[in-house]
Amino acid sequence: MKQYLLSVAMVDGAPPRPPDQNQRAYERVNEFNAELQAAGVWVFGGGLEPASIATVVREEDDQVMITDGPFAESKEHIGGFWIIAVDDLDAALAWATKATRACAEPVEVRPFQENPEG
């Protein structure tokens, strides 16, 4: 099985959804999580706090620098993610289709790098 990251794209400054739509999205995501787990493809998943409260840790000139984040100066950030283990990209895309319908946000699919040691 190959692992894939399904990441939810969030846009800073986008108008918030009405509370009832937000609640329904949470319910659909919970149902989707249960479906992933029942299918045996769930590895890990979770929602993230806003990128505005991120902290960036980096090494520069042999010194560790800690700064307020986010790292990327962008309006688009990862709002949450799932890691799944499936046979191939087609299976990952099928799950991503369900994910985007559940959370009502765009979902990016990326495979994990292969372990060169097997």
N, C-alpha and C. Protein backbone atom coordinates (compact mmCIF):
# COMPACT_ATOMS: atom_id res chain seq x y z
N MET A 1 0.84 -1.18 0.00
CA MET A 1 0.00 0.00 0.00
C MET A 1 0.89 1.25 0.00
N LYS A 2 0.44 2.23 -0.71
CA LYS A 2 1.14 3.51 -0.78
C LYS A 2 0.38 4.52 0.07
N GLN A 3 1.11 5.39 0.75
CA GLN A 3 0.47 6.41 1.55
C GLN A 3 0.33 7.70 0.76
N TYR A 4 -0.80 8.37 0.97
CA TYR A 4 -1.11 9.64 0.32
C TYR A 4 -1.55 10.64 1.37
N LEU A 5 -1.19 11.90 1.14
CA LEU A 5 -1.66 13.00 1.96
C LEU A 5 -2.82 13.66 1.22
N LEU A 6 -3.95 13.76 1.88
CA LEU A 6 -5.09 14.51 1.36
C LEU A 6 -5.15 15.78 2.22
N SER A 7 -4.77 16.91 1.65
CA SER A 7 -4.74 18.15 2.43
C SER A 7 -5.86 19.08 2.01
N VAL A 8 -6.48 19.69 3.01
CA VAL A 8 -7.60 20.60 2.80
C VAL A 8 -7.06 22.02 2.65
N ALA A 9 -7.38 22.67 1.54
CA ALA A 9 -6.92 24.04 1.29
C ALA A 9 -7.88 25.03 1.90
N MET A 10 -7.34 25.95 2.67
CA MET A 10 -8.13 27.02 3.29
C MET A 10 -7.55 28.35 2.82
N VAL A 11 -8.40 29.35 2.66
CA VAL A 11 -7.97 30.66 2.19
C VAL A 11 -8.22 31.69 3.29
N ASP A 12 -7.12 32.35 3.73
CA ASP A 12 -7.26 33.42 4.72
C ASP A 12 -8.14 34.52 4.16
N GLY A 13 -9.01 35.03 4.98
CA GLY A 13 -9.84 36.15 4.57
C GLY A 13 -11.08 35.76 3.79
N ALA A 14 -11.24 34.47 3.49
CA ALA A 14 -12.46 34.03 2.80
C ALA A 14 -13.64 34.23 3.73
N PRO A 15 -14.79 34.59 3.19
CA PRO A 15 -15.94 34.79 4.07
C PRO A 15 -16.28 33.48 4.80
N PRO A 16 -16.55 33.57 6.08
CA PRO A 16 -16.88 32.35 6.82
C PRO A 16 -18.22 31.77 6.38
N ARG A 17 -18.32 30.47 6.47
CA ARG A 17 -19.59 29.81 6.16
C ARG A 17 -20.58 30.11 7.27
N PRO A 18 -21.85 30.13 6.94
CA PRO A 18 -22.87 30.26 8.00
C PRO A 18 -22.72 29.10 8.99
N PRO A 19 -23.04 29.32 10.26
CA PRO A 19 -22.86 28.29 11.28
C PRO A 19 -23.51 26.95 10.95
N ASP A 20 -24.69 26.96 10.34
CA ASP A 20 -25.36 25.69 10.04
C ASP A 20 -24.59 24.91 8.96
N GLN A 21 -24.02 25.60 7.98
CA GLN A 21 -23.21 24.92 6.96
C GLN A 21 -21.91 24.40 7.55
N ASN A 22 -21.33 25.16 8.46
CA ASN A 22 -20.11 24.73 9.13
C ASN A 22 -20.37 23.47 9.95
N GLN A 23 -21.47 23.47 10.69
CA GLN A 23 -21.83 22.30 11.50
C GLN A 23 -22.05 21.08 10.63
N ARG A 24 -22.72 21.26 9.51
CA ARG A 24 -22.97 20.13 8.59
C ARG A 24 -21.66 19.61 8.03
N ALA A 25 -20.71 20.50 7.72
CA ALA A 25 -19.40 20.06 7.22
C ALA A 25 -18.68 19.23 8.29
N TYR A 26 -18.73 19.65 9.56
CA TYR A 26 -18.12 18.87 10.64
C TYR A 26 -18.75 17.48 10.72
N GLU A 27 -20.06 17.43 10.61
CA GLU A 27 -20.76 16.14 10.66
C GLU A 27 -20.35 15.25 9.50
N ARG A 28 -20.27 15.81 8.29
CA ARG A 28 -19.87 15.02 7.11
C ARG A 28 -18.43 14.55 7.23
N VAL A 29 -17.55 15.38 7.78
CA VAL A 29 -16.16 14.98 7.97
C VAL A 29 -16.08 13.83 8.98
N ASN A 30 -16.86 13.91 10.05
CA ASN A 30 -16.88 12.80 11.02
C ASN A 30 -17.35 11.51 10.36
N GLU A 31 -18.36 11.61 9.50
CA GLU A 31 -18.84 10.43 8.78
C GLU A 31 -17.77 9.90 7.82
N PHE A 32 -17.09 10.82 7.14
CA PHE A 32 -16.01 10.43 6.23
C PHE A 32 -14.88 9.75 7.00
N ASN A 33 -14.51 10.29 8.15
CA ASN A 33 -13.46 9.67 8.97
C ASN A 33 -13.84 8.24 9.35
N ALA A 34 -15.10 8.05 9.74
CA ALA A 34 -15.56 6.71 10.10
C ALA A 34 -15.51 5.77 8.90
N GLU A 35 -15.83 6.29 7.72
CA GLU A 35 -15.77 5.48 6.50
C GLU A 35 -14.33 5.07 6.18
N LEU A 36 -13.40 6.02 6.29
CA LEU A 36 -11.98 5.70 6.08
C LEU A 36 -11.52 4.60 7.04
N GLN A 37 -11.90 4.75 8.30
CA GLN A 37 -11.48 3.78 9.32
C GLN A 37 -12.10 2.41 9.05
N ALA A 38 -13.38 2.39 8.70
CA ALA A 38 -14.06 1.11 8.43
C ALA A 38 -13.46 0.41 7.21
N ALA A 39 -12.98 1.18 6.24
CA ALA A 39 -12.37 0.61 5.03
C ALA A 39 -10.93 0.17 5.26
N GLY A 40 -10.37 0.53 6.40
CA GLY A 40 -9.00 0.13 6.72
C GLY A 40 -7.92 0.94 6.00
N VAL A 41 -8.27 2.13 5.51
CA VAL A 41 -7.28 2.95 4.79
C VAL A 41 -6.80 4.14 5.63
N TRP A 42 -7.43 4.39 6.76
CA TRP A 42 -7.08 5.50 7.64
C TRP A 42 -5.70 5.26 8.25
N VAL A 43 -4.82 6.23 8.16
CA VAL A 43 -3.56 6.21 8.88
C VAL A 43 -3.61 7.27 9.98
N PHE A 44 -3.97 8.50 9.59
CA PHE A 44 -4.04 9.59 10.55
C PHE A 44 -4.76 10.76 9.90
N GLY A 45 -5.34 11.63 10.69
CA GLY A 45 -5.96 12.83 10.14
C GLY A 45 -6.28 13.81 11.24
N GLY A 46 -6.50 15.07 10.83
CA GLY A 46 -6.88 16.07 11.81
C GLY A 46 -7.01 17.44 11.19
N GLY A 47 -7.72 18.30 11.89
CA GLY A 47 -7.85 19.69 11.49
C GLY A 47 -6.77 20.51 12.17
N LEU A 48 -6.40 21.61 11.54
CA LEU A 48 -5.35 22.47 12.07
C LEU A 48 -5.92 23.82 12.49
N GLU A 49 -5.30 24.41 13.49
CA GLU A 49 -5.63 25.77 13.88
C GLU A 49 -5.18 26.70 12.75
N PRO A 50 -5.62 27.95 12.74
CA PRO A 50 -5.25 28.87 11.66
C PRO A 50 -3.73 29.04 11.53
N ALA A 51 -3.27 29.23 10.30
CA ALA A 51 -1.84 29.40 10.04
C ALA A 51 -1.30 30.64 10.74
N SER A 52 -2.15 31.59 11.06
CA SER A 52 -1.69 32.83 11.69
C SER A 52 -1.08 32.58 13.07
N ILE A 53 -1.35 31.44 13.69
CA ILE A 53 -0.76 31.17 15.01
C ILE A 53 0.39 30.17 14.92
N ALA A 54 0.84 29.86 13.72
CA ALA A 54 1.95 28.93 13.54
C ALA A 54 3.26 29.53 14.05
N THR A 55 4.20 28.66 14.37
CA THR A 55 5.55 29.05 14.74
C THR A 55 6.50 28.31 13.81
N VAL A 56 7.50 29.01 13.32
CA VAL A 56 8.47 28.42 12.39
C VAL A 56 9.80 28.23 13.11
N VAL A 57 10.35 27.03 13.02
CA VAL A 57 11.65 26.71 13.60
C VAL A 57 12.58 26.35 12.45
N ARG A 58 13.71 27.03 12.38
CA ARG A 58 14.66 26.75 11.29
C ARG A 58 16.08 26.95 11.79
N GLU A 59 17.00 26.29 11.10
CA GLU A 59 18.42 26.48 11.40
C GLU A 59 19.00 27.43 10.37
N GLU A 60 19.77 28.39 10.87
CA GLU A 60 20.42 29.35 10.01
C GLU A 60 21.77 29.67 10.62
N ASP A 61 22.84 29.42 9.85
CA ASP A 61 24.21 29.66 10.34
C ASP A 61 24.47 28.97 11.67
N ASP A 62 24.09 27.70 11.76
CA ASP A 62 24.28 26.87 12.95
C ASP A 62 23.53 27.36 14.18
N GLN A 63 22.55 28.24 13.98
CA GLN A 63 21.71 28.69 15.08
C GLN A 63 20.26 28.39 14.76
N VAL A 64 19.52 28.00 15.77
CA VAL A 64 18.10 27.74 15.60
C VAL A 64 17.35 29.04 15.78
N MET A 65 16.53 29.37 14.79
CA MET A 65 15.72 30.58 14.82
C MET A 65 14.26 30.17 15.00
N ILE A 66 13.57 30.83 15.90
CA ILE A 66 12.15 30.59 16.13
C ILE A 66 11.42 31.90 15.87
N THR A 67 10.49 31.86 14.92
CA THR A 67 9.75 33.07 14.56
C THR A 67 8.26 32.76 14.48
N ASP A 68 7.48 33.81 14.61
CA ASP A 68 6.05 33.65 14.39
C ASP A 68 5.83 33.27 12.93
N GLY A 69 4.86 32.40 12.69
CA GLY A 69 4.61 31.92 11.35
C GLY A 69 3.49 32.67 10.70
N PRO A 70 3.00 32.16 9.65
CA PRO A 70 3.38 30.89 9.01
C PRO A 70 4.65 31.02 8.19
N PHE A 71 5.18 29.88 7.77
CA PHE A 71 6.39 29.88 6.96
C PHE A 71 6.13 30.51 5.60
N ALA A 72 5.09 30.04 4.92
CA ALA A 72 4.77 30.56 3.58
C ALA A 72 3.94 31.83 3.71
N GLU A 73 4.36 32.86 3.01
CA GLU A 73 3.58 34.10 2.99
C GLU A 73 2.55 33.98 1.88
N SER A 74 1.43 33.43 2.25
CA SER A 74 0.39 33.12 1.29
C SER A 74 -0.96 33.24 1.96
N LYS A 75 -1.98 33.42 1.18
CA LYS A 75 -3.34 33.43 1.73
C LYS A 75 -3.91 32.02 1.81
N GLU A 76 -3.26 31.07 1.13
CA GLU A 76 -3.74 29.69 1.13
C GLU A 76 -2.86 28.85 2.04
N HIS A 77 -3.50 28.08 2.91
CA HIS A 77 -2.80 27.25 3.88
C HIS A 77 -3.52 25.92 4.02
N ILE A 78 -2.83 24.96 4.60
CA ILE A 78 -3.46 23.67 4.91
C ILE A 78 -4.32 23.85 6.15
N GLY A 79 -5.59 23.53 6.01
CA GLY A 79 -6.52 23.66 7.12
C GLY A 79 -6.74 22.36 7.87
N GLY A 80 -6.38 21.26 7.24
CA GLY A 80 -6.53 19.94 7.83
C GLY A 80 -6.03 18.92 6.83
N PHE A 81 -5.98 17.67 7.25
CA PHE A 81 -5.43 16.66 6.36
C PHE A 81 -5.83 15.26 6.81
N TRP A 82 -5.67 14.34 5.89
CA TRP A 82 -5.77 12.91 6.16
C TRP A 82 -4.54 12.26 5.55
N ILE A 83 -4.05 11.23 6.18
CA ILE A 83 -3.06 10.36 5.57
C ILE A 83 -3.76 9.01 5.41
N ILE A 84 -3.76 8.53 4.17
CA ILE A 84 -4.42 7.26 3.88
C ILE A 84 -3.43 6.31 3.23
N ALA A 85 -3.69 5.04 3.32
CA ALA A 85 -2.87 4.01 2.67
C ALA A 85 -3.78 3.24 1.72
N VAL A 86 -3.52 3.39 0.42
CA VAL A 86 -4.35 2.75 -0.61
C VAL A 86 -3.45 2.17 -1.69
N ASP A 87 -4.04 1.42 -2.61
CA ASP A 87 -3.27 0.74 -3.64
C ASP A 87 -2.59 1.67 -4.64
N ASP A 88 -3.29 2.76 -5.02
CA ASP A 88 -2.75 3.59 -6.10
C ASP A 88 -3.40 4.97 -6.11
N LEU A 89 -2.94 5.81 -7.05
CA LEU A 89 -3.45 7.17 -7.15
C LEU A 89 -4.95 7.20 -7.43
N ASP A 90 -5.43 6.30 -8.26
CA ASP A 90 -6.87 6.28 -8.55
C ASP A 90 -7.69 6.10 -7.27
N ALA A 91 -7.25 5.21 -6.40
CA ALA A 91 -7.96 4.99 -5.13
C ALA A 91 -7.87 6.24 -4.25
N ALA A 92 -6.69 6.88 -4.23
CA ALA A 92 -6.53 8.11 -3.44
C ALA A 92 -7.45 9.21 -3.96
N LEU A 93 -7.56 9.32 -5.28
CA LEU A 93 -8.44 10.34 -5.87
C LEU A 93 -9.90 10.06 -5.56
N ALA A 94 -10.28 8.80 -5.51
CA ALA A 94 -11.66 8.45 -5.15
C ALA A 94 -11.96 8.89 -3.72
N TRP A 95 -11.01 8.66 -2.80
CA TRP A 95 -11.20 9.11 -1.43
C TRP A 95 -11.19 10.63 -1.34
N ALA A 96 -10.34 11.29 -2.13
CA ALA A 96 -10.29 12.76 -2.12
C ALA A 96 -11.61 13.35 -2.62
N THR A 97 -12.26 12.67 -3.55
CA THR A 97 -13.57 13.12 -4.02
C THR A 97 -14.56 13.13 -2.86
N LYS A 98 -14.53 12.08 -2.06
CA LYS A 98 -15.41 12.02 -0.89
C LYS A 98 -15.01 13.07 0.14
N ALA A 99 -13.70 13.30 0.27
CA ALA A 99 -13.21 14.28 1.25
C ALA A 99 -13.66 15.69 0.91
N THR A 100 -13.53 16.07 -0.35
CA THR A 100 -13.93 17.44 -0.75
C THR A 100 -15.43 17.64 -0.59
N ARG A 101 -16.20 16.59 -0.82
CA ARG A 101 -17.65 16.69 -0.60
C ARG A 101 -17.97 16.80 0.88
N ALA A 102 -17.17 16.13 1.72
CA ALA A 102 -17.42 16.16 3.16
C ALA A 102 -17.08 17.53 3.75
N CYS A 103 -15.91 18.06 3.42
CA CYS A 103 -15.48 19.30 4.07
C CYS A 103 -15.85 20.55 3.29
N ALA A 104 -16.30 20.38 2.05
CA ALA A 104 -16.71 21.51 1.20
C ALA A 104 -15.57 22.48 0.94
N GLU A 105 -14.36 21.96 0.84
CA GLU A 105 -13.16 22.74 0.52
C GLU A 105 -12.33 21.94 -0.48
N PRO A 106 -11.43 22.61 -1.21
CA PRO A 106 -10.55 21.87 -2.12
C PRO A 106 -9.64 20.92 -1.34
N VAL A 107 -9.33 19.78 -1.96
CA VAL A 107 -8.46 18.78 -1.34
C VAL A 107 -7.34 18.44 -2.32
N GLU A 108 -6.11 18.62 -1.90
CA GLU A 108 -4.94 18.28 -2.71
C GLU A 108 -4.48 16.87 -2.35
N VAL A 109 -4.10 16.10 -3.35
CA VAL A 109 -3.63 14.73 -3.15
C VAL A 109 -2.15 14.66 -3.49
N ARG A 110 -1.33 14.17 -2.55
CA ARG A 110 0.10 14.02 -2.81
C ARG A 110 0.59 12.71 -2.24
N PRO A 111 1.33 11.94 -3.05
CA PRO A 111 1.88 10.68 -2.54
C PRO A 111 3.10 10.97 -1.66
N PHE A 112 3.31 10.11 -0.70
CA PHE A 112 4.54 10.16 0.08
C PHE A 112 5.68 9.59 -0.76
N GLN A 113 6.88 10.06 -0.52
CA GLN A 113 8.04 9.53 -1.22
C GLN A 113 8.25 8.07 -0.85
N GLU A 114 8.74 7.32 -1.80
CA GLU A 114 9.06 5.92 -1.55
C GLU A 114 10.30 5.85 -0.65
N ASN A 115 10.31 4.89 0.24
CA ASN A 115 11.47 4.66 1.09
C ASN A 115 12.53 3.93 0.27
N PRO A 116 13.69 4.56 0.01
CA PRO A 116 14.70 3.92 -0.85
C PRO A 116 15.26 2.63 -0.27
N GLU A 117 15.07 2.41 1.03
CA GLU A 117 15.59 1.19 1.66
C GLU A 117 14.55 0.07 1.67
N GLY A 118 13.40 0.32 1.03
CA GLY A 118 12.40 -0.72 0.89
C GLY A 118 11.37 -0.68 1.92
